[in-house]
């Protein structure tokens, strides 16, 4: 036993600190009145504050588009309610180069039939500059926008769905406008079933990458759909991902060597319904990962090359909780965190801030003033320090932090195994 213990401590002549970061809620804010309010999208603004968009029914009628500007601590600077007597909602917001904001969503207040796709441009203080509607008269659910991106020519690209155009019940709809919201061209993609565009970005080559869902193509039910076009909206390729059950893509990000798309899958595990797929530049799948959760709604790249995902996790007893997941560059989960209370709560959008912390937007019925409230949560990384010291290592010695952690974990395992071996040997001697 003395020999074994001596050998163990000779093998561990190190002195270092290994730190593991854990997520911790720093603060949360809610916005809204006594009725239903929620946030669908979140972006960090150039000055370090936040812009959120969603819906508000606080006027006691149908919902209105709800635009909220906060400071870095989540305190409201201003909020704007836009809409009319019909149901109106904002699904996506982006700060524009001029310091204002571009929003897309849907409106029934300015439609002849059901909803129209709605594009709204505001000043930095939220006051309206212009708004445009796109679509036509239909008797059922009509046209809407899910995502918008400012383009290199100071115009906008919008992705959504249309029932007034195209060849199916719903078709993926791509609209290009100038800087004043005037349509330059539009394209529809799909066939006889429902096909929807949920996320769009202008790619580095000047074209567009769109994520969504299709029931017209794929293996069955809805499938995750990734579509690439040139700068004029002409299709270059499209790929579907999924199984025989329903699957849907919600957001796409561009990477140096391809694209990543997050979505929801019903084709795999009953508990792991969040799916992240990486593809190369022509849409060929490189890998996929699934995560414990009910659904995901947003995906953003992080500074170190990983991803942050927002969504929800379902519990039969307690309802739904908001969920945020952080992964490395290969999609392997590094940590996840659930947030919420006794009511239903979902995460709709997550971003990593410039200071390395994380922000989650969503909808909460556990907190706030009303039935549902728009929700903003700040999450910081708390450092947990584990130290192992031995005076045989000079104070001036240093190791690469990553290799320190790897070697530390290896030596802890070795130490545990050796101690167990010594204990077993002594036990045998005692017997």
Protein backbone atom coordinates (compact mmCIF):
# COMPACT_ATOMS: atom_id res chain seq x y z
CA UNK A 1 0.00 0.00 0.00
CA UNK A 2 2.84 2.44 0.85
CA UNK A 3 4.41 1.77 -2.55
CA UNK A 4 1.12 2.39 -4.34
CA UNK A 5 0.42 5.66 -2.54
CA UNK A 6 3.99 6.86 -3.06
CA UNK A 7 3.69 6.09 -6.77
CA UNK A 8 0.38 7.97 -6.99
CA UNK A 9 1.73 11.16 -5.46
CA UNK A 10 4.89 10.99 -7.56
CA UNK A 11 2.71 10.86 -10.66
CA UNK A 12 0.80 14.00 -9.55
CA UNK A 13 3.48 16.67 -8.89
CA UNK A 14 1.28 19.44 -10.26
CA UNK A 15 -0.24 22.67 -9.04
CA UNK A 16 -2.95 24.31 -11.14
CA UNK A 17 -6.51 25.52 -11.11
CA UNK A 18 -9.12 23.91 -13.39
CA UNK A 19 -12.21 26.00 -13.90
CA UNK A 20 -15.59 24.86 -15.19
CA UNK A 21 -18.20 27.48 -16.08
CA UNK A 22 -21.83 26.96 -15.12
CA UNK A 23 -24.75 29.09 -16.35
CA UNK A 24 -26.54 31.19 -13.77
CA UNK A 25 -29.46 33.58 -14.12
CA UNK A 26 -28.33 37.14 -13.42
CA UNK A 27 -31.68 38.90 -13.84
CA UNK A 28 -34.96 38.73 -15.74
CA UNK A 29 -37.44 41.34 -16.93
CA UNK A 30 -41.04 41.07 -18.12
CA UNK A 31 -43.00 43.37 -20.40
CA UNK A 32 -46.73 43.62 -20.99
CA UNK A 33 -50.10 44.24 -19.37
CA UNK A 34 -52.93 42.21 -17.95
CA UNK A 35 -53.63 40.26 -21.14
CA UNK A 36 -51.38 38.18 -23.39
CA UNK A 37 -47.96 39.48 -24.46
CA UNK A 38 -44.86 37.73 -25.76
CA UNK A 39 -41.50 38.13 -27.48
CA UNK A 40 -40.60 36.13 -30.60
CA UNK A 41 -37.20 37.61 -31.45
CA UNK A 42 -34.27 39.28 -29.72
CA UNK A 43 -31.14 41.07 -30.94
CA UNK A 44 -28.35 42.87 -29.10
CA UNK A 45 -28.14 46.46 -30.31
CA UNK A 46 -24.94 48.26 -31.27
CA UNK A 47 -24.89 50.19 -27.99
CA UNK A 48 -25.17 47.01 -25.90
CA UNK A 49 -28.91 47.17 -25.27
CA UNK A 50 -31.62 44.88 -26.61
CA UNK A 51 -34.44 45.03 -29.13
CA UNK A 52 -37.36 42.58 -28.90
CA UNK A 53 -40.41 42.07 -31.06
CA UNK A 54 -43.52 40.01 -30.55
CA UNK A 55 -47.18 40.63 -29.77
CA UNK A 56 -49.32 42.42 -27.22
CA UNK A 57 -53.03 42.13 -26.44
CA UNK A 58 -52.80 44.70 -23.65
CA UNK A 59 -55.24 47.03 -25.39
CA UNK A 60 -57.87 44.35 -24.76
CA UNK A 61 -58.56 43.66 -28.44
CA UNK A 62 -56.77 41.44 -30.94
CA UNK A 63 -52.99 41.30 -30.58
CA UNK A 64 -50.75 44.08 -31.91
CA UNK A 65 -47.12 44.10 -32.98
CA UNK A 66 -45.04 44.79 -29.83
CA UNK A 67 -41.58 46.39 -30.21
CA UNK A 68 -39.48 46.82 -27.05
CA UNK A 69 -36.14 48.60 -26.63
CA UNK A 70 -34.17 48.01 -23.41
CA UNK A 71 -30.83 48.99 -21.97
CA UNK A 72 -28.12 46.46 -21.14
CA UNK A 73 -29.79 45.70 -17.79
CA UNK A 74 -33.16 44.88 -19.35
CA UNK A 75 -34.88 48.12 -18.33
CA UNK A 76 -37.35 49.40 -20.89
CA UNK A 77 -36.24 52.53 -22.74
CA UNK A 78 -39.34 52.60 -24.91
CA UNK A 79 -41.98 50.28 -26.33
CA UNK A 80 -44.21 50.66 -29.36
CA UNK A 81 -47.50 49.00 -30.20
CA UNK A 82 -48.31 48.93 -33.91
CA UNK A 83 -51.45 47.61 -35.54
CA UNK A 84 -55.16 48.07 -35.84
CA UNK A 85 -58.40 46.29 -35.01
CA UNK A 86 -57.24 42.93 -36.41
CA UNK A 87 -54.62 40.49 -35.20
CA UNK A 88 -51.06 41.73 -35.84
CA UNK A 89 -47.72 40.25 -34.76
CA UNK A 90 -43.99 40.74 -35.27
CA UNK A 91 -41.86 37.61 -35.66
CA UNK A 92 -38.39 38.94 -36.42
CA UNK A 93 -36.46 42.17 -35.80
CA UNK A 94 -33.02 43.35 -36.91
CA UNK A 95 -31.13 46.57 -36.26
CA UNK A 96 -30.33 48.24 -39.59
CA UNK A 97 -27.18 50.06 -40.63
CA UNK A 98 -28.85 53.44 -40.14
CA UNK A 99 -29.56 52.64 -36.47
CA UNK A 100 -33.25 51.92 -36.97
CA UNK A 101 -35.07 48.60 -37.01
CA UNK A 102 -36.67 46.36 -39.63
CA UNK A 103 -39.49 44.02 -38.54
CA UNK A 104 -41.47 41.37 -40.36
CA UNK A 105 -44.61 39.56 -39.32
CA UNK A 106 -48.26 39.43 -40.34
CA UNK A 107 -51.25 41.74 -40.14
CA UNK A 108 -55.00 41.31 -40.39
CA UNK A 109 -55.69 44.97 -39.70
CA UNK A 110 -54.70 46.07 -43.19
CA UNK A 111 -55.96 43.06 -45.15
CA UNK A 112 -59.06 42.49 -47.25
CA UNK A 113 -59.29 38.84 -46.19
CA UNK A 114 -56.98 37.04 -43.82
CA UNK A 115 -53.46 38.10 -42.85
CA UNK A 116 -50.90 39.79 -45.11
CA UNK A 117 -47.13 39.66 -44.84
CA UNK A 118 -46.08 42.83 -43.04
CA UNK A 119 -42.76 44.70 -43.29
CA UNK A 120 -42.17 47.60 -40.88
CA UNK A 121 -39.26 50.08 -40.76
CA UNK A 122 -38.75 52.32 -37.71
CA UNK A 123 -36.38 54.98 -36.47
CA UNK A 124 -34.00 54.20 -33.61
CA UNK A 125 -36.67 55.49 -31.18
CA UNK A 126 -39.27 53.07 -32.57
CA UNK A 127 -41.31 55.66 -34.44
CA UNK A 128 -42.67 54.43 -37.74
CA UNK A 129 -40.87 55.41 -40.97
CA UNK A 130 -42.88 53.21 -43.34
CA UNK A 131 -44.68 49.90 -43.52
CA UNK A 132 -45.58 47.65 -46.46
CA UNK A 133 -47.94 44.73 -46.89
CA UNK A 134 -47.60 41.87 -49.37
CA UNK A 135 -50.17 39.28 -50.41
CA UNK A 136 -53.69 38.99 -51.67
CA UNK A 137 -57.24 38.07 -50.72
CA UNK A 138 -57.74 34.52 -49.43
CA UNK A 139 -60.48 33.04 -47.29
CA UNK A 140 -58.25 31.01 -44.96
CA UNK A 141 -54.88 31.72 -43.34
CA UNK A 142 -53.10 33.93 -45.81
CA UNK A 143 -49.59 35.35 -46.04
CA UNK A 144 -46.94 36.10 -43.44
CA UNK A 145 -43.27 36.83 -42.86
CA UNK A 146 -41.09 34.89 -40.45
CA UNK A 147 -37.62 36.35 -41.07
CA UNK A 148 -35.91 39.37 -42.63
CA UNK A 149 -32.29 40.29 -43.36
CA UNK A 150 -30.81 43.57 -44.51
CA UNK A 151 -28.96 43.00 -47.80
CA UNK A 152 -25.69 44.42 -49.09
CA UNK A 153 -27.53 46.90 -51.34
CA UNK A 154 -29.38 48.36 -48.28
CA UNK A 155 -32.56 46.53 -49.25
CA UNK A 156 -34.21 43.58 -47.52
CA UNK A 157 -34.86 39.87 -48.10
CA UNK A 158 -37.94 38.36 -46.43
CA UNK A 159 -38.89 34.71 -45.98
CA UNK A 160 -42.32 33.44 -45.04
CA UNK A 161 -45.34 31.78 -46.58
CA UNK A 162 -48.12 32.58 -49.01
CA UNK A 163 -51.51 31.12 -49.82
CA UNK A 164 -52.50 33.81 -52.28
CA UNK A 165 -49.65 32.86 -54.66
CA UNK A 166 -47.80 29.67 -55.56
CA UNK A 167 -48.98 26.16 -56.32
CA UNK A 168 -49.93 24.66 -52.96
CA UNK A 169 -51.95 25.35 -49.86
CA UNK A 170 -48.95 27.27 -48.51
CA UNK A 171 -45.74 27.95 -50.38
CA UNK A 172 -42.39 29.18 -49.16
CA UNK A 173 -42.26 32.84 -50.12
CA UNK A 174 -39.11 34.85 -50.74
CA UNK A 175 -39.42 38.61 -51.33
CA UNK A 176 -36.64 41.06 -52.22
CA UNK A 177 -37.26 44.78 -51.62
CA UNK A 178 -35.31 48.00 -51.89
CA UNK A 179 -34.50 50.16 -48.87
CA UNK A 180 -37.99 51.67 -48.88
CA UNK A 181 -39.75 48.31 -48.85
CA UNK A 182 -40.72 48.40 -52.53
CA UNK A 183 -40.81 44.92 -54.04
CA UNK A 184 -38.05 44.15 -56.57
CA UNK A 185 -38.97 40.48 -57.05
CA UNK A 186 -40.65 37.59 -55.29
CA UNK A 187 -40.34 33.81 -55.67
CA UNK A 188 -42.45 30.93 -54.40
CA UNK A 189 -41.18 27.39 -53.74
CA UNK A 190 -43.22 24.28 -53.04
CA UNK A 191 -45.85 21.96 -54.44
CA UNK A 192 -49.33 20.77 -53.43
CA UNK A 193 -48.83 20.58 -49.64
CA UNK A 194 -47.78 23.16 -47.02
CA UNK A 195 -44.28 24.61 -47.45
CA UNK A 196 -43.01 27.45 -45.25
CA UNK A 197 -39.85 29.56 -44.99
CA UNK A 198 -38.87 30.26 -41.37
CA UNK A 199 -35.41 31.85 -41.63
CA UNK A 200 -33.42 33.67 -44.32
CA UNK A 201 -29.91 35.12 -44.60
CA UNK A 202 -27.97 36.71 -47.39
CA UNK A 203 -24.97 34.44 -47.92
CA UNK A 204 -21.42 35.57 -48.59
CA UNK A 205 -21.78 34.82 -52.31
CA UNK A 206 -24.66 37.32 -52.58
CA UNK A 207 -27.37 34.67 -52.75
CA UNK A 208 -29.78 33.56 -50.03
CA UNK A 209 -30.06 30.57 -47.70
CA UNK A 210 -33.51 29.70 -46.35
CA UNK A 211 -34.57 27.22 -43.66
CA UNK A 212 -38.09 25.96 -43.14
CA UNK A 213 -40.36 22.99 -43.53
CA UNK A 214 -41.94 21.16 -46.44
CA UNK A 215 -44.76 18.64 -46.66
CA UNK A 216 -44.49 18.48 -50.46
CA UNK A 217 -41.05 16.86 -50.53
CA UNK A 218 -39.01 14.53 -48.33
CA UNK A 219 -39.74 11.26 -46.58
CA UNK A 220 -43.15 11.91 -45.07
CA UNK A 221 -45.14 14.39 -43.03
CA UNK A 222 -43.23 17.65 -42.70
CA UNK A 223 -39.48 17.61 -43.29
CA UNK A 224 -36.74 20.07 -42.45
CA UNK A 225 -36.00 22.08 -45.58
CA UNK A 226 -32.86 23.97 -46.59
CA UNK A 227 -32.99 26.00 -49.80
CA UNK A 228 -30.18 27.95 -51.50
CA UNK A 229 -30.79 30.57 -54.20
CA UNK A 230 -28.69 33.01 -56.18
CA UNK A 231 -29.00 36.80 -55.80
CA UNK A 232 -32.11 36.85 -58.01
CA UNK A 233 -33.91 34.14 -56.04
CA UNK A 234 -33.29 31.38 -58.57
CA UNK A 235 -32.91 28.00 -56.86
CA UNK A 236 -29.39 26.54 -56.80
CA UNK A 237 -30.15 23.53 -54.58
CA UNK A 238 -32.52 22.33 -51.89
CA UNK A 239 -32.22 19.55 -49.33
CA UNK A 240 -34.72 17.86 -47.02
CA UNK A 241 -33.93 16.17 -43.70
CA UNK A 242 -36.18 14.05 -41.52
CA UNK A 243 -38.07 10.80 -41.22
CA UNK A 244 -41.63 9.57 -41.59
CA UNK A 245 -42.93 11.81 -38.80
CA UNK A 246 -43.10 15.61 -38.71
CA UNK A 247 -39.83 17.55 -38.74
CA UNK A 248 -39.26 21.28 -39.23
CA UNK A 249 -36.33 23.69 -39.54
CA UNK A 250 -36.58 27.00 -37.68
CA UNK A 251 -33.34 28.92 -38.13
CA UNK A 252 -30.19 28.77 -40.23
CA UNK A 253 -26.75 30.32 -39.69
CA UNK A 254 -23.90 30.59 -42.17
CA UNK A 255 -20.48 29.14 -41.27
CA UNK A 256 -17.08 29.36 -42.93
CA UNK A 257 -17.49 25.89 -44.43
CA UNK A 258 -21.25 25.52 -44.76
CA UNK A 259 -24.48 26.11 -42.85
CA UNK A 260 -26.13 24.93 -39.63
CA UNK A 261 -29.89 24.58 -39.09
CA UNK A 262 -31.83 23.96 -35.89
CA UNK A 263 -35.28 22.44 -35.73
CA UNK A 264 -37.72 20.03 -34.19
CA UNK A 265 -37.96 16.33 -34.97
CA UNK A 266 -40.71 13.81 -34.24
CA UNK A 267 -38.87 11.08 -36.14
CA UNK A 268 -36.40 10.13 -33.41
CA UNK A 269 -36.45 9.84 -29.63
CA UNK A 270 -39.59 10.83 -27.76
CA UNK A 271 -37.50 12.99 -25.42
CA UNK A 272 -34.83 14.33 -27.77
CA UNK A 273 -36.86 16.44 -30.17
CA UNK A 274 -34.40 19.28 -30.73
CA UNK A 275 -32.14 18.67 -33.72
CA UNK A 276 -29.09 20.52 -35.05
CA UNK A 277 -27.74 19.71 -38.51
CA UNK A 278 -24.57 20.95 -40.18
CA UNK A 279 -24.19 20.82 -43.96
CA UNK A 280 -21.44 21.77 -46.40
CA UNK A 281 -21.70 24.57 -48.95
CA UNK A 282 -23.87 22.48 -51.29
CA UNK A 283 -26.19 21.15 -48.58
CA UNK A 284 -24.67 17.73 -48.00
CA UNK A 285 -25.09 16.69 -44.38
CA UNK A 286 -21.87 16.57 -42.34
CA UNK A 287 -23.38 15.70 -38.96
CA UNK A 288 -26.50 15.93 -36.83
CA UNK A 289 -27.11 16.09 -33.08
CA UNK A 290 -30.26 15.76 -31.02
CA UNK A 291 -30.94 17.21 -27.58
CA UNK A 292 -33.36 16.70 -24.72
CA UNK A 293 -36.21 19.13 -25.24
CA UNK A 294 -39.61 19.69 -26.81
CA UNK A 295 -38.70 22.15 -29.57
CA UNK A 296 -36.10 24.71 -30.65
CA UNK A 297 -36.87 28.07 -32.22
CA UNK A 298 -33.54 29.89 -32.65
CA UNK A 299 -29.89 29.24 -33.45
CA UNK A 300 -26.94 31.62 -33.23
CA UNK A 301 -23.19 31.13 -33.58
CA UNK A 302 -20.96 31.94 -30.61
CA UNK A 303 -17.59 33.68 -30.54
CA UNK A 304 -15.63 30.47 -30.00
CA UNK A 305 -17.29 28.71 -32.93
CA UNK A 306 -20.06 26.89 -31.08
CA UNK A 307 -23.83 27.41 -31.07
CA UNK A 308 -26.52 28.64 -28.69
CA UNK A 309 -30.07 27.30 -29.06
CA UNK A 310 -33.33 28.55 -27.55
CA UNK A 311 -36.43 26.45 -27.10
CA UNK A 312 -38.55 24.68 -24.59
CA UNK A 313 -38.68 21.45 -22.61
CA UNK A 314 -42.01 19.75 -21.89
CA UNK A 315 -43.03 18.15 -18.61
CA UNK A 316 -46.36 16.37 -18.18
CA UNK A 317 -46.59 17.46 -14.54
CA UNK A 318 -45.24 21.01 -14.59
CA UNK A 319 -45.98 22.09 -18.17
CA UNK A 320 -43.34 23.78 -20.29
CA UNK A 321 -40.10 25.49 -19.29
CA UNK A 322 -37.78 27.67 -21.34
CA UNK A 323 -34.58 25.98 -22.45
CA UNK A 324 -31.19 27.29 -23.56
CA UNK A 325 -28.49 24.94 -24.87
CA UNK A 326 -24.83 25.73 -25.54
CA UNK A 327 -22.77 23.45 -27.82
CA UNK A 328 -19.26 23.33 -29.19
CA UNK A 329 -18.44 23.64 -32.90
CA UNK A 330 -19.31 19.98 -33.52
CA UNK A 331 -22.72 20.27 -31.87
CA UNK A 332 -21.75 18.45 -28.67
CA UNK A 333 -23.69 19.87 -25.73
CA UNK A 334 -21.53 21.80 -23.26
CA UNK A 335 -24.34 22.90 -20.97
CA UNK A 336 -28.07 23.50 -20.89
CA UNK A 337 -30.35 25.42 -18.57
CA UNK A 338 -34.10 25.43 -17.95
CA UNK A 339 -35.91 28.53 -16.75
CA UNK A 340 -39.46 29.11 -15.63
CA UNK A 341 -41.94 28.58 -12.85
CA UNK A 342 -45.29 26.95 -12.19
CA UNK A 343 -46.87 28.20 -15.41
CA UNK A 344 -45.99 27.62 -19.05
CA UNK A 345 -42.78 29.30 -20.17
CA UNK A 346 -40.93 29.01 -23.48
CA UNK A 347 -37.70 30.35 -24.89
CA UNK A 348 -38.04 31.83 -28.36
CA UNK A 349 -34.65 33.40 -29.09
CA UNK A 350 -31.16 33.32 -27.56
CA UNK A 351 -28.02 35.30 -28.34
CA UNK A 352 -24.51 35.51 -26.98
CA UNK A 353 -23.68 39.08 -26.07
CA UNK A 354 -20.43 40.86 -26.87
CA UNK A 355 -19.32 40.43 -23.23
CA UNK A 356 -19.66 36.63 -23.51
CA UNK A 357 -22.87 36.36 -21.48
CA UNK A 358 -26.14 35.06 -22.92
CA UNK A 359 -29.60 36.54 -23.31
CA UNK A 360 -32.84 34.63 -23.71
CA UNK A 361 -36.17 36.04 -24.88
CA UNK A 362 -39.47 34.25 -24.60
CA UNK A 363 -43.00 34.08 -23.28
CA UNK A 364 -43.79 33.49 -19.60
CA UNK A 365 -47.00 32.83 -17.74
CA UNK A 366 -45.16 32.24 -14.45
CA UNK A 367 -43.89 35.81 -14.08
CA UNK A 368 -45.08 39.30 -14.96
CA UNK A 369 -48.40 41.10 -14.76
CA UNK A 370 -50.70 39.29 -17.12
CA UNK A 371 -51.79 35.98 -18.52
CA UNK A 372 -48.58 35.92 -20.57
CA UNK A 373 -45.73 38.40 -20.70
CA UNK A 374 -42.78 39.08 -22.95
CA UNK A 375 -39.69 37.84 -21.11
CA UNK A 376 -35.99 38.70 -21.16
CA UNK A 377 -33.40 36.79 -19.13
CA UNK A 378 -29.68 37.56 -18.68
CA UNK A 379 -27.49 34.47 -18.12
CA UNK A 380 -23.89 34.71 -16.98
CA UNK A 381 -21.28 32.02 -16.69
CA UNK A 382 -20.30 31.34 -13.08
CA UNK A 383 -16.76 30.03 -12.59
CA UNK A 384 -16.39 26.93 -10.36
CA UNK A 385 -12.78 26.42 -9.30
CA UNK A 386 -11.21 23.10 -8.36
CA UNK A 387 -7.65 23.16 -7.07
CA UNK A 388 -5.09 20.44 -6.67
CA UNK A 389 -1.80 21.59 -5.11
CA UNK A 390 1.62 20.03 -4.51
CA UNK A 391 4.71 21.99 -3.52
CA UNK A 392 7.01 19.96 -5.80
CA UNK A 393 5.97 22.13 -8.82
CA UNK A 394 7.74 25.51 -8.95
CA UNK A 395 5.43 28.51 -8.72
CA UNK A 396 6.65 29.81 -12.07
CA UNK A 397 5.54 26.68 -13.95
CA UNK A 398 2.54 27.02 -16.25
CA UNK A 399 0.55 24.76 -18.55
CA UNK A 400 -1.88 25.37 -21.36
CA UNK A 401 -5.31 25.64 -19.69
CA UNK A 402 -6.97 23.11 -22.01
CA UNK A 403 -4.22 20.53 -21.56
CA UNK A 404 -4.32 21.20 -17.81
CA UNK A 405 -7.97 20.25 -17.63
CA UNK A 406 -7.50 17.14 -19.79
CA UNK A 407 -4.48 15.97 -17.77
CA UNK A 408 -6.24 16.79 -14.52
CA UNK A 409 -9.26 14.68 -15.47
CA UNK A 410 -7.02 11.81 -16.59
CA UNK A 411 -5.06 11.91 -13.34
CA UNK A 412 -8.19 12.10 -11.22
CA UNK A 413 -9.44 8.94 -12.92
CA UNK A 414 -6.04 7.28 -12.47
CA UNK A 415 -6.00 8.27 -8.80
CA UNK A 416 -9.50 6.90 -8.28
CA UNK A 417 -8.63 3.63 -10.03
CA UNK A 418 -5.38 3.23 -8.09
CA UNK A 419 -7.04 3.92 -4.75
CA UNK A 420 -9.72 1.36 -5.59
CA UNK A 421 -7.02 -1.14 -6.56
CA UNK A 422 -5.18 -0.59 -3.26
CA UNK A 423 -8.44 -0.89 -1.30
CA UNK A 424 -9.29 -4.14 -3.08
CA UNK A 425 -5.79 -5.52 -2.41
CA UNK A 426 -6.02 -4.67 1.29
CA UNK A 427 -9.48 -6.20 1.46
CA UNK A 428 -8.18 -9.43 -0.02
CA UNK A 429 -5.35 -9.44 2.56
CA UNK A 430 -7.82 -8.85 5.38
CA UNK A 431 -9.94 -11.74 4.14
